[in-house]
C-alpha atoms as a PDB file:
ATOM      1  CA  MET A   1      12.914  17.580   6.102  1.00  0.00           C
ATOM      2  CA  PRO A   2       9.350  16.159   5.938  1.00  0.00           C
ATOM      3  CA  ILE A   3       8.106  13.707   3.334  1.00  0.00           C
ATOM      4  CA  GLU A   4       7.375  15.530   0.083  1.00  0.00           C
ATOM      5  CA  SER A   5       4.749  14.535  -2.453  1.00  0.00           C
ATOM      6  CA  SER A   6       7.532  13.843  -4.974  1.00  0.00           C
ATOM      7  CA  GLN A   7       8.823  11.137  -2.613  1.00  0.00           C
ATOM      8  CA  ILE A   8       5.589   9.155  -2.779  1.00  0.00           C
ATOM      9  CA  LEU A   9       6.058   6.889  -5.769  1.00  0.00           C
ATOM     10  CA  SER A  10       3.813   4.401  -7.521  1.00  0.00           C
ATOM     11  CA  MET A  11       5.701   1.223  -8.442  1.00  0.00           C
ATOM     12  CA  LYS A  12       4.914  -1.786 -10.619  1.00  0.00           C
ATOM     13  CA  SER A  13       4.924  -5.353  -9.307  1.00  0.00           C
ATOM     14  CA  GLN A  14       7.600  -7.764 -10.520  1.00  0.00           C
ATOM     15  CA  VAL A  15       5.132  -9.612 -12.755  1.00  0.00           C
ATOM     16  CA  VAL A  16       2.510  -7.784 -14.831  1.00  0.00           C
ATOM     17  CA  SER A  17       0.264 -10.191 -16.715  1.00  0.00           C
ATOM     18  CA  ASP A  18      -3.181 -11.773 -16.740  1.00  0.00           C
ATOM     19  CA  THR A  19      -1.889 -15.043 -15.262  1.00  0.00           C
ATOM     20  CA  SER A  20      -1.841 -16.427 -11.729  1.00  0.00           C
ATOM     21  CA  ALA A  21       1.774 -15.189 -11.415  1.00  0.00           C
ATOM     22  CA  ASN A  22       0.651 -11.575 -11.849  1.00  0.00           C
ATOM     23  CA  GLY A  23       1.819  -9.410  -8.934  1.00  0.00           C
ATOM     24  CA  GLY A  24       4.414 -10.603  -6.455  1.00  0.00           C
ATOM     25  CA  ARG A  25       7.015  -8.336  -4.909  1.00  0.00           C
ATOM     26  CA  MET A  26       7.621  -4.684  -5.724  1.00  0.00           C
ATOM     27  CA  SER A  27       9.804  -4.040  -8.764  1.00  0.00           C
ATOM     28  CA  THR A  28      12.151  -1.128  -9.434  1.00  0.00           C
ATOM     29  CA  VAL A  29       9.920   0.199 -12.245  1.00  0.00           C
ATOM     30  CA  MET A  30       8.165   3.445 -11.356  1.00  0.00           C
ATOM     31  CA  ILE A  31       4.683   4.109 -12.746  1.00  0.00           C
ATOM     32  CA  PRO A  32       4.589   7.595 -14.302  1.00  0.00           C
ATOM     33  CA  ASP A  33       1.643   9.706 -13.221  1.00  0.00           C
ATOM     34  CA  GLY A  34      -0.955  10.625 -15.837  1.00  0.00           C
ATOM     35  CA  VAL A  35       0.654   8.654 -18.679  1.00  0.00           C
ATOM     36  CA  LYS A  36      -1.436   6.523 -21.026  1.00  0.00           C
ATOM     37  CA  ASN A  37      -1.296   2.779 -20.297  1.00  0.00           C
ATOM     38  CA  ASN A  38       0.826   3.308 -17.181  1.00  0.00           C
ATOM     39  CA  VAL A  39      -1.138   0.567 -15.381  1.00  0.00           C
ATOM     40  CA  TRP A  40      -3.770  -0.777 -17.757  1.00  0.00           C
ATOM     41  CA  PRO A  41      -3.377  -1.633 -21.463  1.00  0.00           C
ATOM     42  CA  ASP A  42      -5.829  -0.591 -24.164  1.00  0.00           C
ATOM     43  CA  VAL A  43      -8.925  -2.771 -24.354  1.00  0.00           C
ATOM     44  CA  PRO A  44      -9.594  -4.436 -27.720  1.00  0.00           C
ATOM     45  CA  ALA A  45     -13.099  -4.548 -29.175  1.00  0.00           C
ATOM     46  CA  SER A  46     -13.368  -8.295 -28.554  1.00  0.00           C
ATOM     47  CA  GLU A  47     -12.763  -7.805 -24.801  1.00  0.00           C
ATOM     48  CA  ARG A  48     -15.289  -4.970 -24.597  1.00  0.00           C
ATOM     49  CA  THR A  49     -17.839  -7.183 -26.323  1.00  0.00           C
ATOM     50  CA  SER A  50     -17.323 -10.240 -24.126  1.00  0.00           C
ATOM     51  CA  GLY A  51     -16.489  -8.369 -20.901  1.00  0.00           C
ATOM     52  CA  SER A  52     -13.672  -9.133 -18.485  1.00  0.00           C
ATOM     53  CA  THR A  53     -12.410  -8.912 -14.919  1.00  0.00           C
ATOM     54  CA  LYS A  54      -8.680  -8.279 -14.523  1.00  0.00           C
ATOM     55  CA  TYR A  55      -6.218  -7.294 -11.823  1.00  0.00           C
ATOM     56  CA  ARG A  56      -3.071  -5.212 -11.533  1.00  0.00           C
ATOM     57  CA  LYS A  57      -0.858  -4.889  -8.464  1.00  0.00           C
ATOM     58  CA  THR A  58       0.963  -1.657  -7.652  1.00  0.00           C
ATOM     59  CA  PHE A  59       2.867  -0.317  -4.655  1.00  0.00           C
ATOM     60  CA  LEU A  60       2.749   3.149  -3.112  1.00  0.00           C
ATOM     61  CA  LYS A  61       6.335   3.670  -1.941  1.00  0.00           C
ATOM     62  CA  ILE A  62       7.454   6.267   0.600  1.00  0.00           C
ATOM     63  CA  ALA A  63      10.905   6.985  -0.866  1.00  0.00           C
ATOM     64  CA  ASN A  64      12.115   9.421   1.774  1.00  0.00           C
ATOM     65  CA  PRO A  65      15.925   9.525   2.159  1.00  0.00           C
ATOM     66  CA  ASP A  66      15.659  10.202   5.910  1.00  0.00           C
ATOM     67  CA  ASN A  67      13.525   7.090   6.530  1.00  0.00           C
ATOM     68  CA  LEU A  68      10.613   9.118   7.882  1.00  0.00           C
ATOM     69  CA  LYS A  69       7.247   7.502   8.588  1.00  0.00           C
ATOM     70  CA  LEU A  70       4.054   8.431   6.785  1.00  0.00           C
ATOM     71  CA  PHE A  71       1.485   8.593   9.568  1.00  0.00           C
ATOM     72  CA  ASP A  72      -2.154   7.546   9.178  1.00  0.00           C
ATOM     73  CA  ALA A  73      -1.890   6.635   5.499  1.00  0.00           C
ATOM     74  CA  ARG A  74      -5.206   6.625   3.636  1.00  0.00           C
ATOM     75  CA  VAL A  75      -5.662   5.282   0.103  1.00  0.00           C
ATOM     76  CA  PHE A  76      -8.769   5.810  -2.014  1.00  0.00           C
ATOM     77  CA  VAL A  77     -10.134   6.017  -5.540  1.00  0.00           C
ATOM     78  CA  GLU A  78     -10.221   9.786  -6.010  1.00  0.00           C
ATOM     79  CA  THR A  79     -12.016   9.766  -9.355  1.00  0.00           C
ATOM     80  CA  PRO A  80     -13.782   6.763 -10.926  1.00  0.00           C
ATOM     81  CA  THR A  81     -13.433   5.981 -14.608  1.00  0.00           C
ATOM     82  CA  PRO A  82     -15.646   8.014 -16.963  1.00  0.00           C
ATOM     83  CA  GLY A  83     -16.037   4.928 -19.154  1.00  0.00           C
ATOM     84  CA  GLY A  84     -18.392   2.000 -18.819  1.00  0.00           C
ATOM     85  CA  ASP A  85     -15.820  -0.030 -16.888  1.00  0.00           C
ATOM     86  CA  ARG A  86     -15.165   0.341 -13.164  1.00  0.00           C
ATOM     87  CA  VAL A  87     -12.086   0.027 -10.939  1.00  0.00           C
ATOM     88  CA  ALA A  88     -12.005  -0.798  -7.234  1.00  0.00           C
ATOM     89  CA  ILE A  89      -8.972  -1.310  -5.003  1.00  0.00           C
ATOM     90  CA  PHE A  90      -8.049  -3.615  -2.152  1.00  0.00           C
ATOM     91  CA  GLN A  91      -4.982  -4.172  -0.021  1.00  0.00           C
ATOM     92  CA  GLY A  92      -2.508  -6.942  -0.814  1.00  0.00           C
ATOM     93  CA  THR A  93       0.604  -8.281   0.867  1.00  0.00           C
ATOM     94  CA  GLN A  94       4.226  -7.634  -0.040  1.00  0.00           C
ATOM     95  CA  THR A  95       4.434 -10.955  -1.904  1.00  0.00           C
ATOM     96  CA  ASP A  96       0.965 -12.111  -2.965  1.00  0.00           C
ATOM     97  CA  THR A  97       0.153 -12.888  -6.573  1.00  0.00           C
ATOM     98  CA  GLN A  98      -3.089 -13.067  -8.510  1.00  0.00           C
ATOM     99  CA  GLY A  99      -3.152 -16.768  -7.696  1.00  0.00           C
ATOM    100  CA  THR A 100      -2.638 -16.290  -3.938  1.00  0.00           C
ATOM    101  CA  LYS A 101      -4.360 -12.950  -3.224  1.00  0.00           C
ATOM    102  CA  ASN A 102      -7.421 -12.717  -1.010  1.00  0.00           C
ATOM    103  CA  ALA A 103     -10.277 -14.243  -3.011  1.00  0.00           C
ATOM    104  CA  THR A 104     -12.975 -12.210  -1.223  1.00  0.00           C
ATOM    105  CA  PRO A 105     -11.362  -8.903  -0.252  1.00  0.00           C
ATOM    106  CA  MET A 106     -13.101  -5.794   0.995  1.00  0.00           C
ATOM    107  CA  LEU A 107     -13.242  -3.476  -2.008  1.00  0.00           C
ATOM    108  CA  TYR A 108     -12.820   0.275  -1.875  1.00  0.00           C
ATOM    109  CA  GLY A 109     -14.173   2.529  -4.593  1.00  0.00           C
ATOM    110  CA  CYS A 110     -15.773   5.827  -5.463  1.00  0.00           C
ATOM    111  CA  GLY A 111     -19.248   7.034  -6.292  1.00  0.00           C
ATOM    112  CA  THR A 112     -21.012  10.355  -6.779  1.00  0.00           C
ATOM    113  CA  LEU A 113     -23.176  12.296  -4.367  1.00  0.00           C
ATOM    114  CA  ASN A 114     -26.848  11.762  -5.243  1.00  0.00           C
ATOM    115  CA  ALA A 115     -28.355  14.845  -3.609  1.00  0.00           C
ATOM    116  CA  ASN A 116     -27.063  18.114  -2.181  1.00  0.00           C
ATOM    117  CA  VAL A 117     -26.059  18.039   1.485  1.00  0.00           C
ATOM    118  CA  SER A 118     -25.714  20.921   3.924  1.00  0.00           C
ATOM    119  CA  ILE A 119     -23.319  21.691   6.753  1.00  0.00           C
ATOM    120  CA  GLY A 120     -24.219  19.556   9.735  1.00  0.00           C
ATOM    121  CA  ALA A 121     -25.704  16.704   7.708  1.00  0.00           C
ATOM    122  CA  THR A 122     -25.403  13.296   9.370  1.00  0.00           C
ATOM    123  CA  SER A 123     -26.316  11.172   6.353  1.00  0.00           C
ATOM    124  CA  LEU A 124     -25.872  11.223   2.591  1.00  0.00           C
ATOM    125  CA  GLN A 125     -26.816   9.268  -0.519  1.00  0.00           C
ATOM    126  CA  VAL A 126     -24.269   8.022  -3.027  1.00  0.00           C
ATOM    127  CA  ASN A 127     -24.631   6.618  -6.527  1.00  0.00           C
ATOM    128  CA  VAL A 128     -22.269   3.751  -7.313  1.00  0.00           C
ATOM    129  CA  GLU A 129     -21.575   1.921 -10.550  1.00  0.00           C
ATOM    130  CA  GLU A 130     -22.450  -1.533  -9.228  1.00  0.00           C
ATOM    131  CA  GLN A 131     -24.092  -2.430  -5.917  1.00  0.00           C
ATOM    132  CA  THR A 132     -22.553  -5.910  -5.730  1.00  0.00           C
ATOM    133  CA  ASP A 133     -19.058  -4.469  -5.410  1.00  0.00           C
ATOM    134  CA  TRP A 134     -20.125  -3.433  -1.867  1.00  0.00           C
ATOM    135  CA  ILE A 135     -17.622  -0.567  -1.757  1.00  0.00           C
ATOM    136  CA  PHE A 136     -19.335   1.004   1.278  1.00  0.00           C
ATOM    137  CA  ASN A 137     -19.581  -0.838   4.597  1.00  0.00           C
ATOM    138  CA  PRO A 138     -20.423  -0.049   8.247  1.00  0.00           C
ATOM    139  CA  GLY A 139     -17.547   1.456  10.212  1.00  0.00           C
ATOM    140  CA  GLN A 140     -15.588   2.558   7.131  1.00  0.00           C
ATOM    141  CA  LEU A 141     -13.959   5.924   6.740  1.00  0.00           C
ATOM    142  CA  ILE A 142     -15.209   7.846   3.698  1.00  0.00           C
ATOM    143  CA  ARG A 143     -13.859  10.866   1.827  1.00  0.00           C
ATOM    144  CA  ILE A 144     -16.168  13.533   0.422  1.00  0.00           C
ATOM    145  CA  ALA A 145     -14.630  16.024  -2.010  1.00  0.00           C
ATOM    146  CA  ASN A 146     -15.583  18.520  -4.683  1.00  0.00           C
ATOM    147  CA  LYS A 147     -12.009  19.406  -5.661  1.00  0.00           C
ATOM    148  CA  THR A 148     -11.204  19.262  -9.367  1.00  0.00           C
ATOM    149  CA  SER A 149      -8.171  17.098  -8.521  1.00  0.00           C
ATOM    150  CA  VAL A 150      -6.657  15.570  -5.402  1.00  0.00           C
ATOM    151  CA  ALA A 151      -3.988  18.300  -5.238  1.00  0.00           C
ATOM    152  CA  ASP A 152      -6.350  21.207  -5.955  1.00  0.00           C
ATOM    153  CA  LEU A 153      -5.956  23.917  -3.302  1.00  0.00           C
ATOM    154  CA  SER A 154      -9.517  25.122  -3.852  1.00  0.00           C
ATOM    155  CA  GLY A 155     -12.684  23.243  -3.048  1.00  0.00           C
ATOM    156  CA  GLN A 156     -13.646  21.175  -0.008  1.00  0.00           C
ATOM    157  CA  GLU A 157     -12.537  17.780   1.239  1.00  0.00           C
ATOM    158  CA  GLU A 158     -13.316  15.963   4.462  1.00  0.00           C
ATOM    159  CA  PHE A 159     -13.042  12.517   5.973  1.00  0.00           C
ATOM    160  CA  VAL A 160     -15.883  11.147   8.108  1.00  0.00           C
ATOM    161  CA  ARG A 161     -16.780   7.704   9.395  1.00  0.00           C
ATOM    162  CA  ILE A 162     -19.875   5.607   8.743  1.00  0.00           C
ATOM    163  CA  LYS A 163     -21.653   4.418  11.858  1.00  0.00           C
ATOM    164  CA  ASN A 164     -20.592   0.863  12.694  1.00  0.00           C
ATOM    165  CA  ILE A 165     -23.973  -0.835  12.607  1.00  0.00           C
ATOM    166  CA  PRO A 166     -25.569  -2.735   9.679  1.00  0.00           C
ATOM    167  CA  ALA A 167     -28.431  -0.231   9.376  1.00  0.00           C
ATOM    168  CA  ALA A 168     -25.936   2.570   8.671  1.00  0.00           C
ATOM    169  CA  VAL A 169     -25.502   1.299   5.104  1.00  0.00           C
ATOM    170  CA  THR A 170     -28.715   0.644   3.197  1.00  0.00           C
ATOM    171  CA  TRP A 171     -28.937  -0.126  -0.503  1.00  0.00           C
ATOM    172  CA  ASN A 172     -31.573   0.532  -3.115  1.00  0.00           C
ATOM    173  CA  GLY A 173     -30.061  -0.824  -6.296  1.00  0.00           C
ATOM    174  CA  ASN A 174     -26.989   1.270  -7.066  1.00  0.00           C
ATOM    175  CA  LEU A 175     -28.030   3.977  -4.606  1.00  0.00           C
ATOM    176  CA  VAL A 176     -26.664   3.675  -1.066  1.00  0.00           C
ATOM    177  CA  ASN A 177     -27.678   5.660   2.004  1.00  0.00           C
ATOM    178  CA  LEU A 178     -24.873   6.233   4.517  1.00  0.00           C
ATOM    179  CA  THR A 179     -25.455   7.250   8.151  1.00  0.00           C
ATOM    180  CA  LEU A 180     -22.470   8.845   9.835  1.00  0.00           C
ATOM    181  CA  ALA A 181     -21.050   7.755  13.194  1.00  0.00           C
ATOM    182  CA  ASP A 182     -22.518   9.216  16.362  1.00  0.00           C
ATOM    183  CA  GLY A 183     -21.163  12.728  16.858  1.00  0.00           C
ATOM    184  CA  ALA A 184     -19.999  13.030  13.250  1.00  0.00           C
ATOM    185  CA  ALA A 185     -21.466  15.633  10.913  1.00  0.00           C
ATOM    186  CA  LEU A 186     -20.370  17.312   7.706  1.00  0.00           C
ATOM    187  CA  GLU A 187     -18.331  20.483   8.141  1.00  0.00           C
ATOM    188  CA  ASN A 188     -19.063  21.679   4.596  1.00  0.00           C
ATOM    189  CA  SER A 189     -21.985  21.734   2.214  1.00  0.00           C
ATOM    190  CA  PHE A 190     -21.633  19.792  -1.030  1.00  0.00           C
ATOM    191  CA  LEU A 191     -23.504  19.876  -4.329  1.00  0.00           C
ATOM    192  CA  ALA A 192     -24.382  16.623  -6.032  1.00  0.00           C
ATOM    193  CA  ALA A 193     -23.261  17.987  -9.392  1.00  0.00           C
ATOM    194  CA  ASN A 194     -19.535  17.931  -8.625  1.00  0.00           C
ATOM    195  CA  THR A 195     -18.978  15.834  -5.491  1.00  0.00           C
ATOM    196  CA  ARG A 196     -17.355  12.408  -5.237  1.00  0.00           C
ATOM    197  CA  VAL A 197     -17.615  10.063  -2.265  1.00  0.00           C
ATOM    198  CA  ALA A 198     -15.026   7.328  -1.748  1.00  0.00           C
ATOM    199  CA  SER A 199     -14.532   4.560   0.774  1.00  0.00           C
ATOM    200  CA  VAL A 200     -11.063   4.829   2.295  1.00  0.00           C
ATOM    201  CA  MET A 201      -8.469   2.113   2.874  1.00  0.00           C
ATOM    202  CA  GLU A 202      -6.798   2.881   6.213  1.00  0.00           C
ATOM    203  CA  CYS A 203      -3.204   1.625   6.107  1.00  0.00           C
ATOM    204  CA  GLY A 204      -1.770   2.916   9.375  1.00  0.00           C
ATOM    205  CA  ASP A 205       1.802   4.217   9.616  1.00  0.00           C
ATOM    206  CA  ILE A 206       4.048   3.353   6.665  1.00  0.00           C
ATOM    207  CA  TRP A 207       7.779   2.867   7.180  1.00  0.00           C
ATOM    208  CA  ALA A 208      10.461   0.310   6.330  1.00  0.00           C
ATOM    209  CA  LYS A 209      10.774  -2.228   9.112  1.00  0.00           C
ATOM    210  CA  THR A 210      12.100  -5.625  10.168  1.00  0.00           C
ATOM    211  CA  ASP A 211      10.608  -8.675  11.847  1.00  0.00           C
ATOM    212  CA  THR A 212      10.954 -12.462  12.131  1.00  0.00           C
ATOM    213  CA  TRP A 213      14.357 -12.262  13.785  1.00  0.00           C
ATOM    214  CA  GLY A 214      16.128 -15.506  14.560  1.00  0.00           C
ATOM    215  CA  VAL A 215      19.372 -16.323  16.401  1.00  0.00           C
ATOM    216  CA  SER A 216      21.170 -19.661  16.118  1.00  0.00           C
ATOM    217  CA  SER A 217      24.087 -19.267  18.520  1.00  0.00           C
ATOM    218  CA  ALA A 218      25.008 -20.711  21.908  1.00  0.00           C
ATOM    219  CA  ALA A 219      26.304 -17.421  23.289  1.00  0.00           C
ATOM    220  CA  GLY A 220      25.803 -14.668  20.665  1.00  0.00           C
ATOM    221  CA  THR A 221      23.189 -11.918  20.852  1.00  0.00           C
ATOM    222  CA  TYR A 222      21.968  -9.055  18.692  1.00  0.00           C
ATOM    223  CA  GLY A 223      20.225  -6.041  20.173  1.00  0.00           C
ATOM    224  CA  GLY A 224      20.519  -7.765  23.534  1.00  0.00           C
ATOM    225  CA  TRP A 225      18.436 -10.722  22.309  1.00  0.00           C
ATOM    226  CA  ASN A 226      19.702 -14.314  22.269  1.00  0.00           C
ATOM    227  CA  GLY A 227      16.864 -15.902  20.325  1.00  0.00           C
ATOM    228  CA  SER A 228      14.850 -16.924  23.370  1.00  0.00           C
ATOM    229  CA  GLY A 229      11.187 -15.949  23.129  1.00  0.00           C
ATOM    230  CA  SER A 230       9.985 -13.145  20.893  1.00  0.00           C
ATOM    231  CA  ALA A 231      12.308 -10.494  19.543  1.00  0.00           C
ATOM    232  CA  PRO A 232      11.965  -7.330  21.685  1.00  0.00           C
ATOM    233  CA  ALA A 233      10.289  -4.222  20.305  1.00  0.00           C
ATOM    234  CA  THR A 234      13.591  -2.369  20.615  1.00  0.00           C
ATOM    235  CA  LEU A 235      14.931  -4.703  17.947  1.00  0.00           C
ATOM    236  CA  THR A 236      11.969  -4.777  15.546  1.00  0.00           C
ATOM    237  CA  ASP A 237      11.589  -0.977  15.777  1.00  0.00           C
ATOM    238  CA  LEU A 238      15.132  -0.321  14.586  1.00  0.00           C
ATOM    239  CA  ARG A 239      15.339   2.186  11.710  1.00  0.00           C
ATOM    240  CA  MET A 240      17.770  -0.055   9.866  1.00  0.00           C
ATOM    241  CA  VAL A 241      15.980  -0.449   6.506  1.00  0.00           C
ATOM    242  CA  ASP A 242      16.518   2.235   3.870  1.00  0.00           C
ATOM    243  CA  HIS A 243      13.270   3.725   2.523  1.00  0.00           C
ATOM    244  CA  ILE A 244      14.665   4.098  -0.986  1.00  0.00           C
ATOM    245  CA  ALA A 245      16.684   0.864  -1.345  1.00  0.00           C
ATOM    246  CA  GLY A 246      14.925  -1.421   1.143  1.00  0.00           C
ATOM    247  CA  ILE A 247      13.145  -4.474  -0.267  1.00  0.00           C
ATOM    248  CA  GLU A 248      11.006  -7.409   0.818  1.00  0.00           C
ATOM    249  CA  GLN A 249      13.601 -10.012   1.717  1.00  0.00           C
ATOM    250  CA  THR A 250      14.669 -12.681   4.197  1.00  0.00           C
ATOM    251  CA  TRP A 251      18.316 -12.186   5.131  1.00  0.00           C
ATOM    252  CA  THR A 252      20.697 -14.809   6.486  1.00  0.00           C
ATOM    253  CA  ILE A 253      23.901 -13.764   8.269  1.00  0.00           C
ATOM    254  CA  THR A 254      26.295 -16.729   8.588  1.00  0.00           C
ATOM    255  CA  PHE A 255      29.443 -16.385  10.702  1.00  0.00           C
ATOM    256  CA  THR A 256      32.675 -17.691   9.213  1.00  0.00           C
ATOM    257  CA  SER A 257      34.730 -16.868  12.330  1.00  0.00           C
ATOM    258  CA  ALA A 258      34.197 -15.226  15.696  1.00  0.00           C
ATOM    259  CA  THR A 259      33.911 -11.812  14.010  1.00  0.00           C
ATOM    260  CA  ASP A 260      33.347 -12.216  10.260  1.00  0.00           C
ATOM    261  CA  PHE A 261      30.215 -13.240   8.392  1.00  0.00           C
ATOM    262  CA  THR A 262      28.567 -13.536   4.986  1.00  0.00           C
ATOM    263  CA  CYS A 263      25.105 -12.258   4.094  1.00  0.00           C
ATOM    264  CA  ALA A 264      22.571 -13.534   1.550  1.00  0.00           C
ATOM    265  CA  GLY A 265      18.966 -12.704   0.698  1.00  0.00           C
ATOM    266  CA  ASP A 266      16.313 -15.226  -0.281  1.00  0.00           C
ATOM    267  CA  THR A 267      15.940 -13.769  -3.796  1.00  0.00           C
ATOM    268  CA  VAL A 268      18.940 -11.477  -4.330  1.00  0.00           C
ATOM    269  CA  GLY A 269      21.529 -14.025  -3.161  1.00  0.00           C
ATOM    270  CA  SER A 270      24.888 -13.003  -1.733  1.00  0.00           C
ATOM    271  CA  VAL A 271      25.366  -9.321  -0.892  1.00  0.00           C
ATOM    272  CA  GLY A 272      28.885  -9.613   0.496  1.00  0.00           C
ATOM    273  CA  THR A 273      30.741 -10.039   3.762  1.00  0.00           C
ATOM    274  CA  GLY A 274      30.984  -8.071   6.958  1.00  0.00           C
ATOM    275  CA  SER A 275      32.359  -7.978  10.463  1.00  0.00           C
ATOM    276  CA  ARG A 276      30.798  -7.397  13.840  1.00  0.00           C
ATOM    277  CA  ASN A 277      33.538  -4.825  14.436  1.00  0.00           C
ATOM    278  CA  GLY A 278      31.888  -2.331  12.070  1.00  0.00           C
ATOM    279  CA  ALA A 279      28.520  -1.348  10.620  1.00  0.00           C
ATOM    280  CA  PHE A 280      27.307  -3.619   7.814  1.00  0.00           C
ATOM    281  CA  SER A 281      25.494  -1.821   4.978  1.00  0.00           C
ATOM    282  CA  PRO A 282      25.197  -3.978   1.835  1.00  0.00           C
ATOM    283  CA  THR A 283      24.493  -1.873  -1.240  1.00  0.00           C
ATOM    284  CA  ASN A 284      21.418  -2.258  -3.397  1.00  0.00           C
ATOM    285  CA  PRO A 285      22.863  -1.783  -6.908  1.00  0.00           C
ATOM    286  CA  ASP A 286      19.539  -0.489  -8.236  1.00  0.00           C
ATOM    287  CA  HIS A 287      19.728   2.567  -5.979  1.00  0.00           C
ATOM    288  CA  SER A 288      23.381   2.814  -4.828  1.00  0.00           C
ATOM    289  CA  ARG A 289      22.097   2.912  -1.260  1.00  0.00           C
ATOM    290  CA  PRO A 290      22.126   0.206   1.433  1.00  0.00           C
ATOM    291  CA  TYR A 291      19.381  -2.382   1.663  1.00  0.00           C
ATOM    292  CA  PHE A 292      19.773  -2.014   5.435  1.00  0.00           C
ATOM    293  CA  THR A 293      22.392  -1.188   8.063  1.00  0.00           C
ATOM    294  CA  LEU A 294      23.343  -3.522  10.912  1.00  0.00           C
ATOM    295  CA  SER A 295      24.969  -1.467  13.638  1.00  0.00           C
ATOM    296  CA  ALA A 296      28.175  -2.802  15.176  1.00  0.00           C
ATOM    297  CA  THR A 297      26.847  -1.880  18.615  1.00  0.00           C
ATOM    298  CA  GLY A 298      24.070  -4.435  18.235  1.00  0.00           C
ATOM    299  CA  TRP A 299      26.365  -7.423  18.417  1.00  0.00           C
ATOM    300  CA  GLY A 300      26.849  -8.942  21.842  1.00  0.00           C
ATOM    301  CA  GLY A 301      28.086 -12.103  23.513  1.00  0.00           C
ATOM    302  CA  THR A 302      30.290 -14.587  21.695  1.00  0.00           C
ATOM    303  CA  TRP A 303      29.676 -15.628  18.105  1.00  0.00           C
ATOM    304  CA  ALA A 304      31.357 -18.582  16.413  1.00  0.00           C
ATOM    305  CA  SER A 305      31.788 -20.004  12.920  1.00  0.00           C
ATOM    306  CA  GLY A 306      28.515 -21.531  11.727  1.00  0.00           C
ATOM    307  CA  ASN A 307      26.297 -19.315  13.934  1.00  0.00           C
ATOM    308  CA  ILE A 308      23.378 -17.691  12.110  1.00  0.00           C
ATOM    309  CA  LEU A 309      21.313 -14.524  12.436  1.00  0.00           C
ATOM    310  CA  THR A 310      18.179 -14.194  10.274  1.00  0.00           C
ATOM    311  CA  PHE A 311      15.610 -11.442   9.834  1.00  0.00           C
ATOM    312  CA  LYS A 312      13.135 -10.081   7.309  1.00  0.00           C
ATOM    313  CA  THR A 313      13.016  -6.576   5.869  1.00  0.00           C
ATOM    314  CA  HIS A 314       9.894  -4.912   4.512  1.00  0.00           C
ATOM    315  CA  PRO A 315       9.919  -1.817   2.286  1.00  0.00           C
ATOM    316  CA  ALA A 316       8.146   1.440   3.088  1.00  0.00           C
ATOM    317  CA  ALA A 317       5.401   0.614   0.614  1.00  0.00           C
ATOM    318  CA  ILE A 318       1.688  -0.192   0.511  1.00  0.00           C
ATOM    319  CA  PRO A 319       0.862  -3.190  -1.705  1.00  0.00           C
ATOM    320  CA  LEU A 320      -2.295  -2.378  -3.625  1.00  0.00           C
ATOM    321  CA  TRP A 321      -4.489  -4.378  -6.003  1.00  0.00           C
ATOM    322  CA  GLU A 322      -6.685  -2.744  -8.623  1.00  0.00           C
ATOM    323  CA  LYS A 323      -9.666  -4.737  -9.892  1.00  0.00           C
ATOM    324  CA  ARG A 324     -11.069  -3.640 -13.242  1.00  0.00           C
ATOM    325  CA  VAL A 325     -14.443  -4.918 -14.414  1.00  0.00           C
ATOM    326  CA  ILE A 326     -15.557  -4.372 -18.010  1.00  0.00           C
ATOM    327  CA  PRO A 327     -19.208  -5.362 -18.453  1.00  0.00           C
ATOM    328  CA  ALA A 328     -20.118  -7.091 -21.709  1.00  0.00           C
ATOM    329  CA  ASN A 329     -20.826  -4.772 -24.630  1.00  0.00           C
ATOM    330  CA  THR A 330     -19.104  -1.766 -23.029  1.00  0.00           C
ATOM    331  CA  PRO A 331     -18.595   1.038 -25.580  1.00  0.00           C
ATOM    332  CA  SER A 332     -15.135   2.442 -26.234  1.00  0.00           C
ATOM    333  CA  LEU A 333     -13.935   5.724 -24.740  1.00  0.00           C
ATOM    334  CA  SER A 334     -10.729   7.543 -25.611  1.00  0.00           C
ATOM    335  CA  GLY A 335      -8.903   8.934 -22.587  1.00  0.00           C
ATOM    336  CA  ASN A 336     -10.514   6.636 -20.030  1.00  0.00           C
ATOM    337  CA  ARG A 337      -8.699   6.724 -16.686  1.00  0.00           C
ATOM    338  CA  VAL A 338      -8.961   6.139 -12.942  1.00  0.00           C
ATOM    339  CA  VAL A 339      -7.286   8.217 -10.210  1.00  0.00           C
ATOM    340  CA  VAL A 340      -6.021   6.446  -7.073  1.00  0.00           C
ATOM    341  CA  ALA A 341      -4.677   8.742  -4.355  1.00  0.00           C
ATOM    342  CA  ILE A 342      -2.988   8.630  -0.946  1.00  0.00           C
ATOM    343  CA  SER A 343      -2.976  11.036   1.962  1.00  0.00           C
ATOM    344  CA  GLY A 344      -1.112  11.084   5.279  1.00  0.00           C
ATOM    345  CA  GLU A 345       1.037  13.132   7.624  1.00  0.00           C
ATOM    346  CA  SER A 346       4.821  13.241   7.619  1.00  0.00           C
ATOM    347  CA  GLU A 347       6.823  12.359  10.698  1.00  0.00           C
END
């Protein structure tokens, strides 16, 4: 069956702090939707007075039991904070930390429509919280919506692209004028009073995959590949990583005889033994499902004790950084929140 909304999970990173170690790989801790302090802690008066810039890393995980792809994934800030702070997002890697993340990333955020627009409009004006965040850029996809929530069945929503020339994005303080790409025009009319405009992070197709295969054997092969040159697409496109239990990991298969081997991950350590005579599916104890499955039919040639097969697995997850800026002397607000959303099509 297709990917359901309940199978798109928000997950915490392994380290959650305000240090350089903040972030890292995806943890097994799910972030509950709409729960107070699920990502950000309360802000004390001293921090609101002095101001701060902080980061949190989350992952949007496609936990589909049939390992289906999410096509054309798009991530955006659906609703900005009502408070005096602001939150923008940017894409991370599966392993980066606050100390190693991109120091000058392209930020994606949300503003409000400045003036009513009609069907067929080819430009629009948007109010943002801070010009220097540069959340709108030439060539970007943007989302325009007047829905009361991302899942609201009523209201209008559409995605259009900004023209990819510098003059398509012009700023006047915190007001930005956006010119749409040639041939693009709004299919709906929108009122400024209730319309949000967001820049959209385009993440492509999301699915659990493998890469960085390596073979250290005089005569052994896997997937028809003997380690010479680049691993073929037929090997890297294998649906061998479980979407629920798959993790970011480098795996090392070490043969102890012509048929038997051990397997270890770079952070999880040993996950048991296997044989080329049968499928190898080491279990992730956090989910009672396999990290991955190596098919017996993939083995070829002659393997010997001491031969090694290595590969990396990547989870079906989008690593996402949130950047929160609290200007100095920001007043308090009970119930402050930000809504980050994802859209896509199921395989």
